[in-house]
């Protein structure tokens, strides 16, 4: 083998070793960390600058035995004021002891304008408490829903119906003799089932809060000082439960 050839072979071999050494010592690529994607927050839907709210009902709407700002329509108004920059105007047509007949008469006599952006309706407990024939509720509850729609600018989207609380789960209800408590709950369920089915069949929002009131004996903070009606804390939970449907009602 000639000297020149040996030199060529040596050079090629050296280059090969350098190449292998370079590959072995090269740092391994670091794994790519995917970017953290923060999901967009859903803004509150736009609503009008002024909201006219009408609350129809009985003692549960007027807030028997709680302060004037503790009843659920006032708490709802306060929540909407915090949530939006709108001006909330509230009118309440409700009195302790009113039945569906009483509320229909009051609407007829007061003649509220049909310009409300939101109408809530909670009625029926006194039909049950006063042992009115259930057929009266079957006839008058749909009439009240239709009145509420008319008052809500004839737009059923603006109406939210709330279920009847169960007063059997209060100190007052517990003190009743015999099996009256069980009878109360059964009859309240009957009223609420009719109301919910009617609302569902007519595309009117219905919010059930009855289960909240059935915690009244295990959680006395949910009962007002009279031992019968919901407390401010209970009404706060009502409003939280209602809010998703309220937001939909107020969308432009």
C-alpha atoms as a PDB file:
ATOM      1  CA  UNK A   1       0.000   0.000   0.000  1.00  0.00           C
ATOM      2  CA  UNK A   2       1.451   3.371  -1.046  1.00  0.00           C
ATOM      3  CA  UNK A   3       2.010   6.215   1.407  1.00  0.00           C
ATOM      4  CA  UNK A   4      -0.503   8.426  -0.427  1.00  0.00           C
ATOM      5  CA  UNK A   5      -3.193   5.762  -0.253  1.00  0.00           C
ATOM      6  CA  UNK A   6      -2.576   5.205   3.464  1.00  0.00           C
ATOM      7  CA  UNK A   7      -2.928   8.923   4.077  1.00  0.00           C
ATOM      8  CA  UNK A   8      -6.267   9.042   2.199  1.00  0.00           C
ATOM      9  CA  UNK A   9      -7.620   6.078   4.188  1.00  0.00           C
ATOM     10  CA  UNK A  10      -6.503   7.694   7.445  1.00  0.00           C
ATOM     11  CA  UNK A  11      -8.262  10.965   6.587  1.00  0.00           C
ATOM     12  CA  UNK A  12     -11.541   9.189   5.666  1.00  0.00           C
ATOM     13  CA  UNK A  13     -11.483   7.152   8.876  1.00  0.00           C
ATOM     14  CA  UNK A  14     -10.855  10.250  10.983  1.00  0.00           C
ATOM     15  CA  UNK A  15     -13.814  12.081   9.404  1.00  0.00           C
ATOM     16  CA  UNK A  16     -16.015   9.037  10.098  1.00  0.00           C
ATOM     17  CA  UNK A  17     -15.031   9.000  13.790  1.00  0.00           C
ATOM     18  CA  UNK A  18     -15.668  12.721  14.135  1.00  0.00           C
ATOM     19  CA  UNK A  19     -19.108  12.321  12.583  1.00  0.00           C
ATOM     20  CA  UNK A  20     -20.052   9.506  14.970  1.00  0.00           C
ATOM     21  CA  UNK A  21     -18.758  11.421  17.964  1.00  0.00           C
ATOM     22  CA  UNK A  22     -20.777  14.473  16.956  1.00  0.00           C
ATOM     23  CA  UNK A  23     -24.010  12.416  16.643  1.00  0.00           C
ATOM     24  CA  UNK A  24     -23.526  10.719  20.016  1.00  0.00           C
ATOM     25  CA  UNK A  25     -22.857  13.901  21.984  1.00  0.00           C
ATOM     26  CA  UNK A  26     -25.615  16.010  20.415  1.00  0.00           C
ATOM     27  CA  UNK A  27     -28.215  16.974  23.055  1.00  0.00           C
ATOM     28  CA  UNK A  28     -31.613  15.333  22.742  1.00  0.00           C
ATOM     29  CA  UNK A  29     -34.343  17.729  21.643  1.00  0.00           C
ATOM     30  CA  UNK A  30     -36.483  18.896  24.541  1.00  0.00           C
ATOM     31  CA  UNK A  31     -40.169  17.923  24.362  1.00  0.00           C
ATOM     32  CA  UNK A  32     -42.470  20.697  23.204  1.00  0.00           C
ATOM     33  CA  UNK A  33     -44.889  21.849  25.926  1.00  0.00           C
ATOM     34  CA  UNK A  34     -48.312  22.608  24.458  1.00  0.00           C
ATOM     35  CA  UNK A  35     -49.520  26.136  25.176  1.00  0.00           C
ATOM     36  CA  UNK A  36     -52.093  26.549  27.936  1.00  0.00           C
ATOM     37  CA  UNK A  37     -55.373  27.637  26.392  1.00  0.00           C
ATOM     38  CA  UNK A  38     -57.711  29.556  28.714  1.00  0.00           C
ATOM     39  CA  UNK A  39     -61.339  29.047  27.686  1.00  0.00           C
ATOM     40  CA  UNK A  40     -63.126  32.312  26.961  1.00  0.00           C
ATOM     41  CA  UNK A  41     -65.497  33.501  29.643  1.00  0.00           C
ATOM     42  CA  UNK A  42     -69.133  33.746  28.673  1.00  0.00           C
ATOM     43  CA  UNK A  43     -70.289  37.333  29.140  1.00  0.00           C
ATOM     44  CA  UNK A  44     -73.705  38.102  30.510  1.00  0.00           C
ATOM     45  CA  UNK A  45     -76.163  38.477  27.633  1.00  0.00           C
ATOM     46  CA  UNK A  46     -76.945  42.046  26.606  1.00  0.00           C
ATOM     47  CA  UNK A  47     -80.163  43.423  28.051  1.00  0.00           C
ATOM     48  CA  UNK A  48     -82.055  46.686  27.804  1.00  0.00           C
ATOM     49  CA  UNK A  49     -80.865  49.760  29.710  1.00  0.00           C
ATOM     50  CA  UNK A  50     -84.138  49.811  31.687  1.00  0.00           C
ATOM     51  CA  UNK A  51     -85.886  46.647  32.861  1.00  0.00           C
ATOM     52  CA  UNK A  52     -89.515  46.660  34.014  1.00  0.00           C
ATOM     53  CA  UNK A  53     -90.153  43.683  36.321  1.00  0.00           C
ATOM     54  CA  UNK A  54     -93.554  42.575  37.606  1.00  0.00           C
ATOM     55  CA  UNK A  55     -93.837  39.952  40.381  1.00  0.00           C
ATOM     56  CA  UNK A  56     -97.214  38.255  40.762  1.00  0.00           C
ATOM     57  CA  UNK A  57     -98.099  36.011  43.684  1.00  0.00           C
ATOM     58  CA  UNK A  58     -99.039  35.643  47.333  1.00  0.00           C
ATOM     59  CA  UNK A  59     -97.172  35.574  50.679  1.00  0.00           C
ATOM     60  CA  UNK A  60     -94.157  33.916  49.077  1.00  0.00           C
ATOM     61  CA  UNK A  61     -93.795  36.855  46.689  1.00  0.00           C
ATOM     62  CA  UNK A  62     -94.578  39.696  49.101  1.00  0.00           C
ATOM     63  CA  UNK A  63     -92.174  38.094  51.585  1.00  0.00           C
ATOM     64  CA  UNK A  64     -94.264  37.433  54.683  1.00  0.00           C
ATOM     65  CA  UNK A  65     -92.142  37.713  57.867  1.00  0.00           C
ATOM     66  CA  UNK A  66     -88.962  38.905  56.129  1.00  0.00           C
ATOM     67  CA  UNK A  67     -87.716  42.439  55.520  1.00  0.00           C
ATOM     68  CA  UNK A  68     -88.863  44.359  52.437  1.00  0.00           C
ATOM     69  CA  UNK A  69     -85.498  43.889  50.715  1.00  0.00           C
ATOM     70  CA  UNK A  70     -85.271  40.214  51.740  1.00  0.00           C
ATOM     71  CA  UNK A  71     -88.145  38.880  49.629  1.00  0.00           C
ATOM     72  CA  UNK A  72     -87.104  37.183  46.423  1.00  0.00           C
ATOM     73  CA  UNK A  73     -88.266  39.864  43.928  1.00  0.00           C
ATOM     74  CA  UNK A  74     -86.117  42.464  45.712  1.00  0.00           C
ATOM     75  CA  UNK A  75     -83.162  40.078  45.904  1.00  0.00           C
ATOM     76  CA  UNK A  76     -83.583  39.328  42.214  1.00  0.00           C
ATOM     77  CA  UNK A  77     -83.658  43.051  41.460  1.00  0.00           C
ATOM     78  CA  UNK A  78     -80.457  43.572  43.481  1.00  0.00           C
ATOM     79  CA  UNK A  79     -78.723  40.682  41.702  1.00  0.00           C
ATOM     80  CA  UNK A  80     -79.652  42.071  38.298  1.00  0.00           C
ATOM     81  CA  UNK A  81     -78.413  45.522  39.321  1.00  0.00           C
ATOM     82  CA  UNK A  82     -75.068  43.987  40.256  1.00  0.00           C
ATOM     83  CA  UNK A  83     -74.873  41.846  37.145  1.00  0.00           C
ATOM     84  CA  UNK A  84     -75.874  44.476  34.597  1.00  0.00           C
ATOM     85  CA  UNK A  85     -75.719  48.225  34.292  1.00  0.00           C
ATOM     86  CA  UNK A  86     -79.460  48.425  33.706  1.00  0.00           C
ATOM     87  CA  UNK A  87     -82.035  50.262  35.807  1.00  0.00           C
ATOM     88  CA  UNK A  88     -84.471  47.730  37.315  1.00  0.00           C
ATOM     89  CA  UNK A  89     -88.019  48.921  38.024  1.00  0.00           C
ATOM     90  CA  UNK A  90     -89.982  46.507  40.238  1.00  0.00           C
ATOM     91  CA  UNK A  91     -93.742  46.282  40.814  1.00  0.00           C
ATOM     92  CA  UNK A  92     -95.242  43.614  43.097  1.00  0.00           C
ATOM     93  CA  UNK A  93     -98.861  42.487  42.986  1.00  0.00           C
ATOM     94  CA  UNK A  94     -99.102  40.017  45.865  1.00  0.00           C
ATOM     95  CA  UNK A  95    -100.678  39.689  49.304  1.00  0.00           C
ATOM     96  CA  UNK A  96    -100.552  37.023  51.999  1.00  0.00           C
ATOM     97  CA  UNK A  97    -103.496  34.654  51.699  1.00  0.00           C
ATOM     98  CA  UNK A  98    -104.235  35.233  48.024  1.00  0.00           C
ATOM     99  CA  UNK A  99    -105.553  32.366  45.936  1.00  0.00           C
ATOM    100  CA  UNK A 100    -105.520  32.226  42.143  1.00  0.00           C
ATOM    101  CA  UNK A 101    -108.942  33.903  42.237  1.00  0.00           C
ATOM    102  CA  UNK A 102    -107.607  36.720  44.430  1.00  0.00           C
ATOM    103  CA  UNK A 103    -104.680  37.375  42.118  1.00  0.00           C
ATOM    104  CA  UNK A 104    -106.890  37.444  39.034  1.00  0.00           C
ATOM    105  CA  UNK A 105    -109.167  39.994  40.744  1.00  0.00           C
ATOM    106  CA  UNK A 106    -106.196  42.147  41.793  1.00  0.00           C
ATOM    107  CA  UNK A 107    -104.785  42.222  38.256  1.00  0.00           C
ATOM    108  CA  UNK A 108    -108.197  43.173  36.943  1.00  0.00           C
ATOM    109  CA  UNK A 109    -108.620  45.992  39.463  1.00  0.00           C
ATOM    110  CA  UNK A 110    -105.061  47.364  39.296  1.00  0.00           C
ATOM    111  CA  UNK A 111    -104.859  47.150  35.502  1.00  0.00           C
ATOM    112  CA  UNK A 112    -101.048  47.112  35.199  1.00  0.00           C
ATOM    113  CA  UNK A 113     -99.595  48.165  31.855  1.00  0.00           C
ATOM    114  CA  UNK A 114     -98.527  45.524  29.370  1.00  0.00           C
ATOM    115  CA  UNK A 115     -94.971  46.786  29.138  1.00  0.00           C
ATOM    116  CA  UNK A 116     -93.011  44.440  31.408  1.00  0.00           C
ATOM    117  CA  UNK A 117     -89.711  42.928  30.297  1.00  0.00           C
ATOM    118  CA  UNK A 118     -89.977  40.247  32.989  1.00  0.00           C
ATOM    119  CA  UNK A 119     -92.936  38.753  34.850  1.00  0.00           C
ATOM    120  CA  UNK A 120     -92.642  36.106  37.566  1.00  0.00           C
ATOM    121  CA  UNK A 121     -95.611  34.104  38.824  1.00  0.00           C
ATOM    122  CA  UNK A 122     -95.787  32.072  42.046  1.00  0.00           C
ATOM    123  CA  UNK A 123     -99.314  31.166  43.121  1.00  0.00           C
ATOM    124  CA  UNK A 124    -101.412  28.289  44.408  1.00  0.00           C
ATOM    125  CA  UNK A 125    -100.481  27.470  47.978  1.00  0.00           C
ATOM    126  CA  UNK A 126    -103.609  29.139  49.363  1.00  0.00           C
ATOM    127  CA  UNK A 127    -105.809  27.177  46.979  1.00  0.00           C
ATOM    128  CA  UNK A 128    -104.375  24.080  48.691  1.00  0.00           C
ATOM    129  CA  UNK A 129    -104.349  25.560  52.220  1.00  0.00           C
ATOM    130  CA  UNK A 130    -107.953  26.792  51.961  1.00  0.00           C
ATOM    131  CA  UNK A 131    -109.057  23.437  50.520  1.00  0.00           C
ATOM    132  CA  UNK A 132    -110.345  24.943  47.304  1.00  0.00           C
ATOM    133  CA  UNK A 133    -111.418  22.426  44.688  1.00  0.00           C
ATOM    134  CA  UNK A 134    -108.431  21.541  42.515  1.00  0.00           C
ATOM    135  CA  UNK A 135    -110.525  22.265  39.421  1.00  0.00           C
ATOM    136  CA  UNK A 136    -110.347  25.977  40.341  1.00  0.00           C
ATOM    137  CA  UNK A 137    -106.569  25.877  39.971  1.00  0.00           C
ATOM    138  CA  UNK A 138    -106.820  23.883  36.758  1.00  0.00           C
ATOM    139  CA  UNK A 139    -108.981  26.660  35.316  1.00  0.00           C
ATOM    140  CA  UNK A 140    -107.355  29.760  36.817  1.00  0.00           C
ATOM    141  CA  UNK A 141    -103.653  28.926  36.659  1.00  0.00           C
ATOM    142  CA  UNK A 142    -103.670  28.914  32.825  1.00  0.00           C
ATOM    143  CA  UNK A 143    -105.614  32.189  32.930  1.00  0.00           C
ATOM    144  CA  UNK A 144    -102.906  33.716  35.131  1.00  0.00           C
ATOM    145  CA  UNK A 145    -100.123  32.476  32.871  1.00  0.00           C
ATOM    146  CA  UNK A 146    -101.875  34.048  29.890  1.00  0.00           C
ATOM    147  CA  UNK A 147    -102.347  37.284  31.868  1.00  0.00           C
ATOM    148  CA  UNK A 148     -98.635  37.228  32.697  1.00  0.00           C
ATOM    149  CA  UNK A 149     -97.747  36.768  29.027  1.00  0.00           C
ATOM    150  CA  UNK A 150    -100.000  39.654  28.038  1.00  0.00           C
ATOM    151  CA  UNK A 151     -98.382  41.888  30.668  1.00  0.00           C
ATOM    152  CA  UNK A 152     -94.947  40.783  29.452  1.00  0.00           C
ATOM    153  CA  UNK A 153     -95.399  42.541  26.107  1.00  0.00           C
ATOM    154  CA  UNK A 154     -97.277  39.449  24.872  1.00  0.00           C
ATOM    155  CA  UNK A 155     -93.961  37.557  24.798  1.00  0.00           C
ATOM    156  CA  UNK A 156     -94.007  34.235  26.668  1.00  0.00           C
ATOM    157  CA  UNK A 157     -90.195  34.271  26.730  1.00  0.00           C
ATOM    158  CA  UNK A 158     -90.429  37.057  29.312  1.00  0.00           C
ATOM    159  CA  UNK A 159     -92.438  34.978  31.812  1.00  0.00           C
ATOM    160  CA  UNK A 160     -90.949  32.741  34.518  1.00  0.00           C
ATOM    161  CA  UNK A 161     -93.234  30.565  36.673  1.00  0.00           C
ATOM    162  CA  UNK A 162     -91.976  29.384  40.075  1.00  0.00           C
ATOM    163  CA  UNK A 163     -93.163  26.240  41.851  1.00  0.00           C
ATOM    164  CA  UNK A 164     -95.089  26.309  45.136  1.00  0.00           C
ATOM    165  CA  UNK A 165     -93.013  25.834  48.316  1.00  0.00           C
ATOM    166  CA  UNK A 166     -93.904  22.950  50.643  1.00  0.00           C
ATOM    167  CA  UNK A 167     -94.833  24.316  54.064  1.00  0.00           C
ATOM    168  CA  UNK A 168     -95.092  20.780  55.500  1.00  0.00           C
ATOM    169  CA  UNK A 169     -91.329  21.021  56.075  1.00  0.00           C
ATOM    170  CA  UNK A 170     -91.594  23.901  58.535  1.00  0.00           C
ATOM    171  CA  UNK A 171     -92.168  23.996  62.304  1.00  0.00           C
ATOM    172  CA  UNK A 172     -95.761  24.983  61.560  1.00  0.00           C
ATOM    173  CA  UNK A 173     -96.256  22.018  59.254  1.00  0.00           C
ATOM    174  CA  UNK A 174     -94.559  19.627  61.640  1.00  0.00           C
ATOM    175  CA  UNK A 175     -96.911  20.689  64.453  1.00  0.00           C
ATOM    176  CA  UNK A 176    -100.010  19.712  62.475  1.00  0.00           C
ATOM    177  CA  UNK A 177    -101.782  16.681  63.852  1.00  0.00           C
ATOM    178  CA  UNK A 178    -102.042  13.274  62.269  1.00  0.00           C
ATOM    179  CA  UNK A 179    -100.838  12.718  58.724  1.00  0.00           C
ATOM    180  CA  UNK A 180    -101.596  16.260  57.549  1.00  0.00           C
ATOM    181  CA  UNK A 181     -97.950  16.919  56.684  1.00  0.00           C
ATOM    182  CA  UNK A 182     -97.870  14.009  54.246  1.00  0.00           C
ATOM    183  CA  UNK A 183    -101.167  15.157  52.754  1.00  0.00           C
ATOM    184  CA  UNK A 184     -99.817  18.692  52.284  1.00  0.00           C
ATOM    185  CA  UNK A 185     -96.782  17.436  50.392  1.00  0.00           C
ATOM    186  CA  UNK A 186     -98.865  15.155  48.188  1.00  0.00           C
ATOM    187  CA  UNK A 187    -101.248  17.971  47.309  1.00  0.00           C
ATOM    188  CA  UNK A 188     -98.419  20.480  46.695  1.00  0.00           C
ATOM    189  CA  UNK A 189     -96.876  17.955  44.300  1.00  0.00           C
ATOM    190  CA  UNK A 190    -100.205  17.713  42.492  1.00  0.00           C
ATOM    191  CA  UNK A 191    -100.384  21.490  42.032  1.00  0.00           C
ATOM    192  CA  UNK A 192     -96.778  21.756  40.915  1.00  0.00           C
ATOM    193  CA  UNK A 193     -97.037  18.868  38.480  1.00  0.00           C
ATOM    194  CA  UNK A 194    -100.027  20.489  36.807  1.00  0.00           C
ATOM    195  CA  UNK A 195     -98.257  23.861  36.615  1.00  0.00           C
ATOM    196  CA  UNK A 196     -95.016  22.403  35.265  1.00  0.00           C
ATOM    197  CA  UNK A 197     -96.774  20.315  32.628  1.00  0.00           C
ATOM    198  CA  UNK A 198     -98.822  23.303  31.514  1.00  0.00           C
ATOM    199  CA  UNK A 199     -95.712  25.476  31.232  1.00  0.00           C
ATOM    200  CA  UNK A 200     -93.728  22.831  29.378  1.00  0.00           C
ATOM    201  CA  UNK A 201     -96.577  22.267  26.914  1.00  0.00           C
ATOM    202  CA  UNK A 202     -96.830  26.007  26.269  1.00  0.00           C
ATOM    203  CA  UNK A 203     -93.099  26.864  26.131  1.00  0.00           C
ATOM    204  CA  UNK A 204     -93.160  28.939  29.329  1.00  0.00           C
ATOM    205  CA  UNK A 205     -90.155  28.811  31.669  1.00  0.00           C
ATOM    206  CA  UNK A 206     -90.771  26.907  34.905  1.00  0.00           C
ATOM    207  CA  UNK A 207     -88.378  26.856  37.879  1.00  0.00           C
ATOM    208  CA  UNK A 208     -88.842  24.339  40.683  1.00  0.00           C
ATOM    209  CA  UNK A 209     -87.759  25.507  44.137  1.00  0.00           C
ATOM    210  CA  UNK A 210     -89.919  23.117  46.178  1.00  0.00           C
ATOM    211  CA  UNK A 211     -86.992  20.834  47.019  1.00  0.00           C
ATOM    212  CA  UNK A 212     -85.224  23.798  48.655  1.00  0.00           C
ATOM    213  CA  UNK A 213     -88.155  24.360  51.020  1.00  0.00           C
ATOM    214  CA  UNK A 214     -88.187  20.669  51.915  1.00  0.00           C
ATOM    215  CA  UNK A 215     -84.906  21.254  53.742  1.00  0.00           C
ATOM    216  CA  UNK A 216     -86.657  23.545  56.219  1.00  0.00           C
ATOM    217  CA  UNK A 217     -86.696  21.087  59.116  1.00  0.00           C
ATOM    218  CA  UNK A 218     -83.098  19.948  58.682  1.00  0.00           C
ATOM    219  CA  UNK A 219     -81.902  23.509  58.052  1.00  0.00           C
ATOM    220  CA  UNK A 220     -83.894  25.962  60.213  1.00  0.00           C
ATOM    221  CA  UNK A 221     -82.066  28.911  58.615  1.00  0.00           C
ATOM    222  CA  UNK A 222     -84.287  28.395  55.575  1.00  0.00           C
ATOM    223  CA  UNK A 223     -87.447  29.234  57.568  1.00  0.00           C
ATOM    224  CA  UNK A 224     -88.519  32.727  58.603  1.00  0.00           C
ATOM    225  CA  UNK A 225     -89.147  33.745  62.203  1.00  0.00           C
ATOM    226  CA  UNK A 226     -92.857  32.862  61.906  1.00  0.00           C
ATOM    227  CA  UNK A 227     -91.980  29.182  61.485  1.00  0.00           C
ATOM    228  CA  UNK A 228     -93.913  28.965  58.221  1.00  0.00           C
ATOM    229  CA  UNK A 229     -92.525  31.065  55.386  1.00  0.00           C
ATOM    230  CA  UNK A 230     -89.122  31.012  53.649  1.00  0.00           C
ATOM    231  CA  UNK A 231     -86.325  33.096  55.135  1.00  0.00           C
ATOM    232  CA  UNK A 232     -84.061  35.620  53.428  1.00  0.00           C
ATOM    233  CA  UNK A 233     -81.479  32.831  53.002  1.00  0.00           C
ATOM    234  CA  UNK A 234     -84.051  30.583  51.318  1.00  0.00           C
ATOM    235  CA  UNK A 235     -85.097  33.366  48.952  1.00  0.00           C
ATOM    236  CA  UNK A 236     -81.438  33.885  48.032  1.00  0.00           C
ATOM    237  CA  UNK A 237     -81.278  30.241  46.923  1.00  0.00           C
ATOM    238  CA  UNK A 238     -84.545  30.742  45.008  1.00  0.00           C
ATOM    239  CA  UNK A 239     -82.948  33.602  43.072  1.00  0.00           C
ATOM    240  CA  UNK A 240     -79.806  31.583  42.313  1.00  0.00           C
ATOM    241  CA  UNK A 241     -81.978  28.743  41.014  1.00  0.00           C
ATOM    242  CA  UNK A 242     -84.057  31.141  38.897  1.00  0.00           C
ATOM    243  CA  UNK A 243     -81.202  33.153  37.426  1.00  0.00           C
ATOM    244  CA  UNK A 244     -80.415  30.999  34.331  1.00  0.00           C
ATOM    245  CA  UNK A 245     -84.054  31.301  33.180  1.00  0.00           C
ATOM    246  CA  UNK A 246     -84.134  34.997  34.108  1.00  0.00           C
ATOM    247  CA  UNK A 247     -81.079  35.696  31.944  1.00  0.00           C
ATOM    248  CA  UNK A 248     -82.766  34.006  28.983  1.00  0.00           C
ATOM    249  CA  UNK A 249     -85.931  36.032  29.559  1.00  0.00           C
ATOM    250  CA  UNK A 250     -83.998  39.300  29.539  1.00  0.00           C
ATOM    251  CA  UNK A 251     -81.944  38.685  26.424  1.00  0.00           C
ATOM    252  CA  UNK A 252     -82.588  41.217  23.662  1.00  0.00           C
END
